[in-house]
C-alpha atoms as a PDB file:
ATOM      1  CA  MET A   1      -4.658  53.685  -7.259  1.00  0.00           C
ATOM      2  CA  GLN A   2      -1.957  56.016  -5.887  1.00  0.00           C
ATOM      3  CA  ALA A   3       0.702  57.341  -8.178  1.00  0.00           C
ATOM      4  CA  SER A   4       3.081  57.342  -5.240  1.00  0.00           C
ATOM      5  CA  ASP A   5       3.275  53.549  -5.249  1.00  0.00           C
ATOM      6  CA  MET A   6       3.973  53.279  -9.070  1.00  0.00           C
ATOM      7  CA  GLN A   7       7.423  52.643 -10.571  1.00  0.00           C
ATOM      8  CA  VAL A   8       8.786  55.511 -12.488  1.00  0.00           C
ATOM      9  CA  ILE A   9      11.404  54.436 -15.105  1.00  0.00           C
ATOM     10  CA  GLY A  10      13.372  56.518 -17.362  1.00  0.00           C
ATOM     11  CA  LEU A  11      15.499  55.458 -20.401  1.00  0.00           C
ATOM     12  CA  CYS A  12      18.511  57.269 -21.837  1.00  0.00           C
ATOM     13  CA  ARG A  13      20.338  56.074 -24.983  1.00  0.00           C
ATOM     14  CA  PHE A  14      23.978  57.122 -24.585  1.00  0.00           C
ATOM     15  CA  SER A  15      25.591  56.771 -27.839  1.00  0.00           C
ATOM     16  CA  TYR A  16      24.356  53.250 -28.328  1.00  0.00           C
ATOM     17  CA  PRO A  17      25.048  52.117 -31.847  1.00  0.00           C
ATOM     18  CA  ALA A  18      21.470  50.990 -32.738  1.00  0.00           C
ATOM     19  CA  LEU A  19      20.371  49.538 -36.068  1.00  0.00           C
ATOM     20  CA  GLY A  20      18.025  52.476 -37.042  1.00  0.00           C
ATOM     21  CA  GLY A  21      16.768  55.068 -34.658  1.00  0.00           C
ATOM     22  CA  PHE A  22      19.061  57.852 -35.994  1.00  0.00           C
ATOM     23  CA  GLN A  23      18.236  60.668 -38.543  1.00  0.00           C
ATOM     24  CA  VAL A  24      21.869  60.651 -39.646  1.00  0.00           C
ATOM     25  CA  GLU A  25      22.362  57.352 -41.459  1.00  0.00           C
ATOM     26  CA  HIS A  26      25.410  55.249 -41.940  1.00  0.00           C
ATOM     27  CA  ASP A  27      26.293  52.470 -44.384  1.00  0.00           C
ATOM     28  CA  SER A  28      27.509  50.077 -41.797  1.00  0.00           C
ATOM     29  CA  ILE A  29      27.569  49.616 -38.077  1.00  0.00           C
ATOM     30  CA  GLU A  30      31.337  50.181 -38.264  1.00  0.00           C
ATOM     31  CA  ASP A  31      30.606  53.520 -39.712  1.00  0.00           C
ATOM     32  CA  ARG A  32      28.109  54.387 -37.025  1.00  0.00           C
ATOM     33  CA  ARG A  33      30.506  53.397 -34.303  1.00  0.00           C
ATOM     34  CA  ALA A  34      33.220  55.565 -35.838  1.00  0.00           C
ATOM     35  CA  PHE A  35      30.697  58.458 -35.959  1.00  0.00           C
ATOM     36  CA  LEU A  36      29.495  57.904 -32.391  1.00  0.00           C
ATOM     37  CA  TYR A  37      32.823  57.323 -30.760  1.00  0.00           C
ATOM     38  CA  ALA A  38      34.792  60.031 -32.362  1.00  0.00           C
ATOM     39  CA  PRO A  39      36.777  61.758 -29.644  1.00  0.00           C
ATOM     40  CA  GLU A  40      35.490  65.300 -30.306  1.00  0.00           C
ATOM     41  CA  ARG A  41      31.892  64.088 -30.256  1.00  0.00           C
ATOM     42  CA  MET A  42      32.264  61.900 -27.169  1.00  0.00           C
ATOM     43  CA  GLU A  43      33.932  64.720 -25.212  1.00  0.00           C
ATOM     44  CA  GLU A  44      31.004  66.959 -25.992  1.00  0.00           C
ATOM     45  CA  ARG A  45      28.421  64.350 -25.072  1.00  0.00           C
ATOM     46  CA  LEU A  46      30.027  63.497 -21.826  1.00  0.00           C
ATOM     47  CA  ARG A  47      30.300  67.226 -20.815  1.00  0.00           C
ATOM     48  CA  MET A  48      26.663  67.871 -21.577  1.00  0.00           C
ATOM     49  CA  PHE A  49      25.664  64.716 -19.864  1.00  0.00           C
ATOM     50  CA  GLU A  50      27.563  65.820 -16.648  1.00  0.00           C
ATOM     51  CA  THR A  51      26.566  69.403 -16.595  1.00  0.00           C
ATOM     52  CA  ILE A  52      23.007  69.478 -18.244  1.00  0.00           C
ATOM     53  CA  ALA A  53      21.372  66.098 -18.159  1.00  0.00           C
ATOM     54  CA  LEU A  54      22.449  64.524 -14.817  1.00  0.00           C
ATOM     55  CA  PRO A  55      22.221  67.464 -12.308  1.00  0.00           C
ATOM     56  CA  GLY A  56      18.395  67.792 -12.452  1.00  0.00           C
ATOM     57  CA  LEU A  57      17.915  64.036 -12.227  1.00  0.00           C
ATOM     58  CA  LYS A  58      20.180  63.776  -9.299  1.00  0.00           C
ATOM     59  CA  ALA A  59      18.385  66.648  -7.591  1.00  0.00           C
ATOM     60  CA  GLN A  60      14.853  65.154  -8.066  1.00  0.00           C
ATOM     61  CA  THR A  61      12.444  66.111  -5.186  1.00  0.00           C
ATOM     62  CA  ASP A  62      11.089  62.605  -5.541  1.00  0.00           C
ATOM     63  CA  GLN A  63      14.043  60.294  -5.507  1.00  0.00           C
ATOM     64  CA  ASN A  64      11.926  57.147  -6.174  1.00  0.00           C
ATOM     65  CA  PHE A  65      12.652  56.346  -9.728  1.00  0.00           C
ATOM     66  CA  ASP A  66      14.941  54.238 -12.027  1.00  0.00           C
ATOM     67  CA  PHE A  67      17.193  55.623 -14.661  1.00  0.00           C
ATOM     68  CA  LEU A  68      18.507  53.276 -17.298  1.00  0.00           C
ATOM     69  CA  ILE A  69      21.560  54.385 -19.424  1.00  0.00           C
ATOM     70  CA  VAL A  70      21.954  52.262 -22.506  1.00  0.00           C
ATOM     71  CA  VAL A  71      25.396  51.985 -24.080  1.00  0.00           C
ATOM     72  CA  GLY A  72      26.915  49.830 -26.687  1.00  0.00           C
ATOM     73  CA  SER A  73      28.908  46.788 -25.363  1.00  0.00           C
ATOM     74  CA  CYS A  74      31.556  48.079 -27.654  1.00  0.00           C
ATOM     75  CA  LEU A  75      31.750  51.567 -25.768  1.00  0.00           C
ATOM     76  CA  PRO A  76      35.530  52.329 -25.373  1.00  0.00           C
ATOM     77  CA  LYS A  77      36.505  51.571 -21.749  1.00  0.00           C
ATOM     78  CA  PRO A  78      37.785  55.091 -20.846  1.00  0.00           C
ATOM     79  CA  TYR A  79      34.220  56.502 -21.776  1.00  0.00           C
ATOM     80  CA  LEU A  80      32.501  53.729 -19.865  1.00  0.00           C
ATOM     81  CA  GLU A  81      34.581  54.489 -16.807  1.00  0.00           C
ATOM     82  CA  ARG A  82      33.638  58.097 -16.961  1.00  0.00           C
ATOM     83  CA  LEU A  83      30.060  57.245 -17.143  1.00  0.00           C
ATOM     84  CA  HIS A  84      30.318  55.110 -14.024  1.00  0.00           C
ATOM     85  CA  ALA A  85      32.250  57.924 -12.205  1.00  0.00           C
ATOM     86  CA  MET A  86      29.467  60.543 -13.116  1.00  0.00           C
ATOM     87  CA  THR A  87      26.685  58.345 -11.885  1.00  0.00           C
ATOM     88  CA  ALA A  88      28.450  56.845  -8.793  1.00  0.00           C
ATOM     89  CA  ASP A  89      26.406  59.163  -6.648  1.00  0.00           C
ATOM     90  CA  MET A  90      23.139  58.355  -8.307  1.00  0.00           C
ATOM     91  CA  PRO A  91      21.588  55.181  -6.898  1.00  0.00           C
ATOM     92  CA  GLN A  92      18.813  55.405  -9.401  1.00  0.00           C
ATOM     93  CA  ALA A  93      21.120  55.043 -12.381  1.00  0.00           C
ATOM     94  CA  ARG A  94      21.973  51.687 -14.026  1.00  0.00           C
ATOM     95  CA  ILE A  95      24.306  51.454 -16.927  1.00  0.00           C
ATOM     96  CA  ILE A  96      23.227  48.724 -19.432  1.00  0.00           C
ATOM     97  CA  ALA A  97      25.618  47.488 -22.196  1.00  0.00           C
ATOM     98  CA  GLU A  98      24.083  45.839 -25.216  1.00  0.00           C
ATOM     99  CA  ASP A  99      25.303  44.703 -28.686  1.00  0.00           C
ATOM    100  CA  PRO A 100      24.051  46.630 -31.581  1.00  0.00           C
ATOM    101  CA  ALA A 101      20.375  45.744 -32.330  1.00  0.00           C
ATOM    102  CA  PRO A 102      17.284  47.312 -34.001  1.00  0.00           C
ATOM    103  CA  HIS A 103      16.588  50.430 -32.056  1.00  0.00           C
ATOM    104  CA  ARG A 104      12.946  50.233 -30.946  1.00  0.00           C
ATOM    105  CA  GLN A 105      13.000  46.505 -30.115  1.00  0.00           C
ATOM    106  CA  ILE A 106      15.976  46.529 -27.889  1.00  0.00           C
ATOM    107  CA  MET A 107      14.913  49.670 -26.035  1.00  0.00           C
ATOM    108  CA  LYS A 108      11.478  48.044 -25.333  1.00  0.00           C
ATOM    109  CA  LYS A 109      13.097  44.724 -24.300  1.00  0.00           C
ATOM    110  CA  ILE A 110      15.300  46.827 -21.722  1.00  0.00           C
ATOM    111  CA  ILE A 111      12.354  48.623 -20.298  1.00  0.00           C
ATOM    112  CA  ASN A 112      10.172  45.542 -20.003  1.00  0.00           C
ATOM    113  CA  ARG A 113      12.738  43.455 -18.211  1.00  0.00           C
ATOM    114  CA  SER A 114      13.440  46.360 -15.738  1.00  0.00           C
ATOM    115  CA  LEU A 115       9.792  46.654 -14.733  1.00  0.00           C
ATOM    116  CA  ASN A 116       8.539  45.669 -11.298  1.00  0.00           C
ATOM    117  CA  ARG A 117       6.129  42.804 -12.082  1.00  0.00           C
ATOM    118  CA  ASN A 118       5.065  42.327  -8.481  1.00  0.00           C
ATOM    119  CA  THR A 119       2.470  44.989  -8.592  1.00  0.00           C
ATOM    120  CA  ALA A 120      -0.880  45.516 -10.403  1.00  0.00           C
ATOM    121  CA  LEU A 121      -0.227  49.194 -10.703  1.00  0.00           C
ATOM    122  CA  PRO A 122       0.718  50.903 -13.936  1.00  0.00           C
ATOM    123  CA  SER A 123       4.300  52.016 -14.599  1.00  0.00           C
ATOM    124  CA  LEU A 124       5.306  55.541 -15.472  1.00  0.00           C
ATOM    125  CA  GLN A 125       7.838  55.749 -18.264  1.00  0.00           C
ATOM    126  CA  PHE A 126       9.844  58.511 -19.862  1.00  0.00           C
ATOM    127  CA  ARG A 127      12.683  58.817 -22.328  1.00  0.00           C
ATOM    128  CA  HIS A 128      15.558  61.177 -21.977  1.00  0.00           C
ATOM    129  CA  ASP A 129      18.270  62.312 -24.225  1.00  0.00           C
ATOM    130  CA  ASP A 130      21.917  62.714 -22.889  1.00  0.00           C
ATOM    131  CA  ASP A 131      21.956  66.463 -23.649  1.00  0.00           C
ATOM    132  CA  ASP A 132      18.543  67.445 -22.191  1.00  0.00           C
ATOM    133  CA  ALA A 133      17.499  68.318 -18.725  1.00  0.00           C
ATOM    134  CA  VAL A 134      14.261  68.000 -16.717  1.00  0.00           C
ATOM    135  CA  SER A 135      13.198  70.164 -13.771  1.00  0.00           C
ATOM    136  CA  VAL A 136      14.011  68.979 -10.299  1.00  0.00           C
ATOM    137  CA  ASN A 137      10.310  68.298  -9.598  1.00  0.00           C
ATOM    138  CA  PHE A 138       9.654  66.310 -12.796  1.00  0.00           C
ATOM    139  CA  VAL A 139       9.015  62.989 -11.196  1.00  0.00           C
ATOM    140  CA  ALA A 140       6.861  64.580  -8.461  1.00  0.00           C
ATOM    141  CA  ARG A 141       4.998  66.445 -11.037  1.00  0.00           C
ATOM    142  CA  LEU A 142       4.419  63.384 -13.054  1.00  0.00           C
ATOM    143  CA  ARG A 143       3.081  61.478 -10.036  1.00  0.00           C
ATOM    144  CA  ALA A 144       0.800  64.413  -9.299  1.00  0.00           C
ATOM    145  CA  ALA A 145      -0.461  64.485 -12.862  1.00  0.00           C
ATOM    146  CA  VAL A 146      -1.408  60.796 -12.636  1.00  0.00           C
ATOM    147  CA  ASP A 147      -3.297  61.419  -9.371  1.00  0.00           C
ATOM    148  CA  ASP A 148      -4.980  64.483 -11.055  1.00  0.00           C
ATOM    149  CA  THR A 149      -6.244  62.008 -13.919  1.00  0.00           C
ATOM    150  CA  ALA A 150      -6.706  58.835 -11.972  1.00  0.00           C
ATOM    151  CA  SER A 151     -10.127  57.891 -13.649  1.00  0.00           C
ATOM    152  CA  LEU A 152      -8.474  58.396 -17.035  1.00  0.00           C
ATOM    153  CA  VAL A 153      -5.545  56.200 -16.143  1.00  0.00           C
ATOM    154  CA  ALA A 154      -7.776  53.601 -14.881  1.00  0.00           C
ATOM    155  CA  LYS A 155      -9.823  53.436 -18.002  1.00  0.00           C
ATOM    156  CA  ASN A 156      -6.986  53.415 -20.514  1.00  0.00           C
ATOM    157  CA  PRO A 157      -3.986  51.126 -20.791  1.00  0.00           C
ATOM    158  CA  LEU A 158      -1.871  54.023 -22.149  1.00  0.00           C
ATOM    159  CA  VAL A 159      -1.999  57.782 -21.149  1.00  0.00           C
ATOM    160  CA  GLY A 160       0.549  60.269 -22.168  1.00  0.00           C
ATOM    161  CA  PHE A 161       1.700  63.316 -20.092  1.00  0.00           C
ATOM    162  CA  ASP A 162       3.255  66.109 -21.881  1.00  0.00           C
ATOM    163  CA  PHE A 163       5.028  68.977 -20.029  1.00  0.00           C
ATOM    164  CA  ASN A 164       5.722  71.265 -22.865  1.00  0.00           C
ATOM    165  CA  ARG A 165       7.171  74.522 -21.597  1.00  0.00           C
ATOM    166  CA  GLY A 166      10.843  75.049 -21.038  1.00  0.00           C
ATOM    167  CA  TYR A 167      14.063  76.168 -22.922  1.00  0.00           C
ATOM    168  CA  SER A 168      16.227  75.419 -25.796  1.00  0.00           C
ATOM    169  CA  ALA A 169      19.771  76.008 -24.751  1.00  0.00           C
ATOM    170  CA  ARG A 170      23.446  75.596 -25.748  1.00  0.00           C
ATOM    171  CA  PRO A 171      26.406  75.526 -23.317  1.00  0.00           C
ATOM    172  CA  SER A 172      29.455  77.631 -24.013  1.00  0.00           C
ATOM    173  CA  ALA A 173      32.585  78.916 -22.305  1.00  0.00           C
ATOM    174  CA  GLU A 174      30.541  82.109 -21.444  1.00  0.00           C
ATOM    175  CA  GLY A 175      27.646  80.196 -19.834  1.00  0.00           C
ATOM    176  CA  MET A 176      24.332  79.025 -21.135  1.00  0.00           C
ATOM    177  CA  LEU A 177      22.670  80.583 -24.252  1.00  0.00           C
ATOM    178  CA  ALA A 178      19.003  80.008 -24.124  1.00  0.00           C
ATOM    179  CA  THR A 179      15.528  80.862 -25.377  1.00  0.00           C
ATOM    180  CA  PRO A 180      12.136  80.100 -23.879  1.00  0.00           C
ATOM    181  CA  THR A 181      10.129  77.631 -25.905  1.00  0.00           C
ATOM    182  CA  VAL A 182       7.016  75.535 -25.950  1.00  0.00           C
ATOM    183  CA  LEU A 183       7.447  72.213 -27.769  1.00  0.00           C
ATOM    184  CA  PRO A 184       4.395  69.913 -27.912  1.00  0.00           C
ATOM    185  CA  SER A 185       4.987  66.200 -27.851  1.00  0.00           C
ATOM    186  CA  TYR A 186       8.675  66.623 -27.691  1.00  0.00           C
ATOM    187  CA  GLY A 187      11.079  63.962 -26.466  1.00  0.00           C
ATOM    188  CA  VAL A 188      11.840  65.539 -23.184  1.00  0.00           C
ATOM    189  CA  ALA A 189       9.578  65.836 -20.051  1.00  0.00           C
ATOM    190  CA  LEU A 190       7.228  63.546 -22.036  1.00  0.00           C
ATOM    191  CA  ALA A 191       5.921  60.531 -20.104  1.00  0.00           C
ATOM    192  CA  MET A 192       3.406  57.727 -20.501  1.00  0.00           C
ATOM    193  CA  ALA A 193       1.410  55.645 -17.878  1.00  0.00           C
ATOM    194  CA  VAL A 194       1.448  52.068 -19.111  1.00  0.00           C
ATOM    195  CA  ALA A 195      -0.954  49.442 -17.544  1.00  0.00           C
ATOM    196  CA  GLN A 196       0.828  46.489 -15.847  1.00  0.00           C
ATOM    197  CA  PHE A 197       1.472  43.490 -17.991  1.00  0.00           C
ATOM    198  CA  LYS A 198       1.175  45.380 -21.117  1.00  0.00           C
ATOM    199  CA  ALA A 199       4.310  45.037 -23.303  1.00  0.00           C
ATOM    200  CA  THR A 200       4.011  48.390 -24.921  1.00  0.00           C
ATOM    201  CA  THR A 201       6.513  51.070 -23.667  1.00  0.00           C
ATOM    202  CA  ILE A 202       7.156  54.678 -24.399  1.00  0.00           C
ATOM    203  CA  MET A 203       9.684  53.518 -26.965  1.00  0.00           C
ATOM    204  CA  ASN A 204       7.034  51.931 -29.132  1.00  0.00           C
ATOM    205  CA  PHE A 205       6.142  55.423 -30.404  1.00  0.00           C
ATOM    206  CA  ALA A 206       7.849  58.402 -32.196  1.00  0.00           C
ATOM    207  CA  HIS A 207       7.366  61.005 -29.432  1.00  0.00           C
ATOM    208  CA  SER A 208       5.776  63.568 -31.990  1.00  0.00           C
ATOM    209  CA  LYS A 209       3.041  60.923 -32.569  1.00  0.00           C
ATOM    210  CA  LEU A 210       2.255  59.916 -29.020  1.00  0.00           C
ATOM    211  CA  HIS A 211      -0.988  61.824 -29.005  1.00  0.00           C
ATOM    212  CA  GLN A 212      -2.250  59.875 -31.940  1.00  0.00           C
ATOM    213  CA  PHE A 213      -2.402  56.589 -30.119  1.00  0.00           C
ATOM    214  CA  MET A 214      -3.662  57.570 -26.663  1.00  0.00           C
ATOM    215  CA  PRO A 215      -5.264  60.198 -24.555  1.00  0.00           C
ATOM    216  CA  THR A 216      -2.679  62.781 -23.701  1.00  0.00           C
ATOM    217  CA  VAL A 217      -2.721  65.400 -20.984  1.00  0.00           C
ATOM    218  CA  THR A 218      -0.763  68.569 -21.513  1.00  0.00           C
ATOM    219  CA  TYR A 219       0.752  70.814 -18.809  1.00  0.00           C
ATOM    220  CA  THR A 220       2.178  74.230 -19.810  1.00  0.00           C
ATOM    221  CA  ASP A 221       2.253  76.048 -16.514  1.00  0.00           C
ATOM    222  CA  GLU A 222       5.832  76.014 -15.610  1.00  0.00           C
ATOM    223  CA  ASP A 223       9.328  75.359 -17.075  1.00  0.00           C
ATOM    224  CA  MET A 224       9.922  71.536 -17.032  1.00  0.00           C
ATOM    225  CA  PHE A 225      12.834  70.984 -19.558  1.00  0.00           C
ATOM    226  CA  VAL A 226      16.041  72.193 -21.207  1.00  0.00           C
ATOM    227  CA  ARG A 227      16.414  70.920 -24.761  1.00  0.00           C
ATOM    228  CA  GLY A 228      20.198  70.909 -25.280  1.00  0.00           C
ATOM    229  CA  HIS A 229      21.688  72.011 -28.573  1.00  0.00           C
ATOM    230  CA  ASN A 230      25.155  71.213 -29.787  1.00  0.00           C
ATOM    231  CA  GLY A 231      27.114  70.400 -32.869  1.00  0.00           C
ATOM    232  CA  PHE A 232      26.192  66.788 -32.814  1.00  0.00           C
ATOM    233  CA  ASN A 233      22.386  66.900 -32.298  1.00  0.00           C
ATOM    234  CA  ASP A 234      21.017  64.125 -34.503  1.00  0.00           C
ATOM    235  CA  SER A 235      17.682  65.958 -34.791  1.00  0.00           C
ATOM    236  CA  ARG A 236      19.306  69.107 -36.048  1.00  0.00           C
ATOM    237  CA  GLN A 237      21.282  67.672 -38.921  1.00  0.00           C
ATOM    238  CA  GLY A 238      18.706  68.134 -41.626  1.00  0.00           C
ATOM    239  CA  LYS A 239      18.993  70.823 -44.331  1.00  0.00           C
ATOM    240  CA  ARG A 240      15.599  72.382 -43.327  1.00  0.00           C
ATOM    241  CA  VAL A 241      16.354  72.873 -39.706  1.00  0.00           C
ATOM    242  CA  LYS A 242      16.177  76.601 -38.811  1.00  0.00           C
ATOM    243  CA  PRO A 243      18.875  78.046 -36.437  1.00  0.00           C
ATOM    244  CA  LEU A 244      17.695  79.259 -33.137  1.00  0.00           C
ATOM    245  CA  GLU A 245      18.389  82.559 -31.847  1.00  0.00           C
ATOM    246  CA  MET A 246      19.704  82.291 -28.264  1.00  0.00           C
ATOM    247  CA  THR A 247      20.954  84.918 -25.789  1.00  0.00           C
ATOM    248  CA  LEU A 248      23.276  84.384 -22.959  1.00  0.00           C
ATOM    249  CA  LEU A 249      21.646  84.000 -19.551  1.00  0.00           C
ATOM    250  CA  ASP A 250      21.950  86.988 -17.216  1.00  0.00           C
ATOM    251  CA  ALA A 251      22.389  86.523 -13.463  1.00  0.00           C
ATOM    252  CA  ALA A 252      18.651  86.151 -12.896  1.00  0.00           C
ATOM    253  CA  GLY A 253      18.474  83.427 -15.682  1.00  0.00           C
ATOM    254  CA  GLU A 254      21.347  81.674 -14.419  1.00  0.00           C
ATOM    255  CA  ALA A 255      19.857  81.556 -10.891  1.00  0.00           C
ATOM    256  CA  HIS A 256      16.504  80.191 -12.467  1.00  0.00           C
ATOM    257  CA  PHE A 257      18.416  77.334 -14.279  1.00  0.00           C
ATOM    258  CA  GLU A 258      20.044  76.454 -11.093  1.00  0.00           C
ATOM    259  CA  LYS A 259      16.969  76.413  -8.966  1.00  0.00           C
ATOM    260  CA  THR A 260      14.754  74.757 -11.578  1.00  0.00           C
ATOM    261  CA  PHE A 261      17.092  72.398 -13.365  1.00  0.00           C
ATOM    262  CA  ALA A 262      20.121  72.172 -10.933  1.00  0.00           C
ATOM    263  CA  ILE A 263      22.300  73.390 -13.815  1.00  0.00           C
ATOM    264  CA  ASN A 264      25.224  75.421 -12.547  1.00  0.00           C
ATOM    265  CA  CYS A 265      26.478  77.901 -15.122  1.00  0.00           C
ATOM    266  CA  ASP A 266      29.881  78.073 -13.443  1.00  0.00           C
ATOM    267  CA  GLN A 267      30.252  74.344 -13.908  1.00  0.00           C
ATOM    268  CA  VAL A 268      29.071  74.784 -17.560  1.00  0.00           C
ATOM    269  CA  ARG A 269      31.761  77.559 -18.105  1.00  0.00           C
ATOM    270  CA  ARG A 270      34.534  75.275 -16.603  1.00  0.00           C
ATOM    271  CA  ALA A 271      33.433  72.297 -18.675  1.00  0.00           C
ATOM    272  CA  PHE A 272      33.249  74.186 -22.014  1.00  0.00           C
ATOM    273  CA  ALA A 273      36.101  76.574 -21.660  1.00  0.00           C
END
């Protein structure tokens, strides 16, 4: 059972107006659409998607993966056109428009109907937020991790893989502000091997609880992610969320971000000027 032959599939929810799935609640789907599609918010999400999330995915050392971008069927046309333009040079990307539906159910459905069923091998699945980044070797490291744990994967229908070292960062007109961090079982650079013909997906589980339902292997040896921070982070709207102290990357830090995540700080400065 070689990981090189397994399908790797990532799912990104881009301002999809789900029923549930948000920490910021709304009284109606109309209120949720108004929040999600507010021009100021959408401009920031698109800038972060283009300068932080997409570069590392486009630059993967292993290009054999699928990347599903889920949007609402009601996403305003100008934003949809910009998403298509941003991903025109990314053959792995597929933009999928769906009507509002219960969050976990629709995301599981999208993954399952996108799986290659002409194989007996497990699939390798990951979720990805539109303001986060993974290292350019994430797909390659994931396959290597599966090969490292081949007997574990063979014996278990679900196995988690947690690459938990990276950065929290915020883009600005001056560049990237960042701080090193270790975030166990976080939503970024977290993946799962799923036995073929099993309907369970990575979207069945809250990322922080993945290790409660399956054996999980943790790697903490190198920087594998950037957790993007901005004014519209759903996960940072609570009253108990503590602010993070970040410092502006110096020249060495900017070079590390470009080499590791393909994040170009000059592009960030232009986008957020």
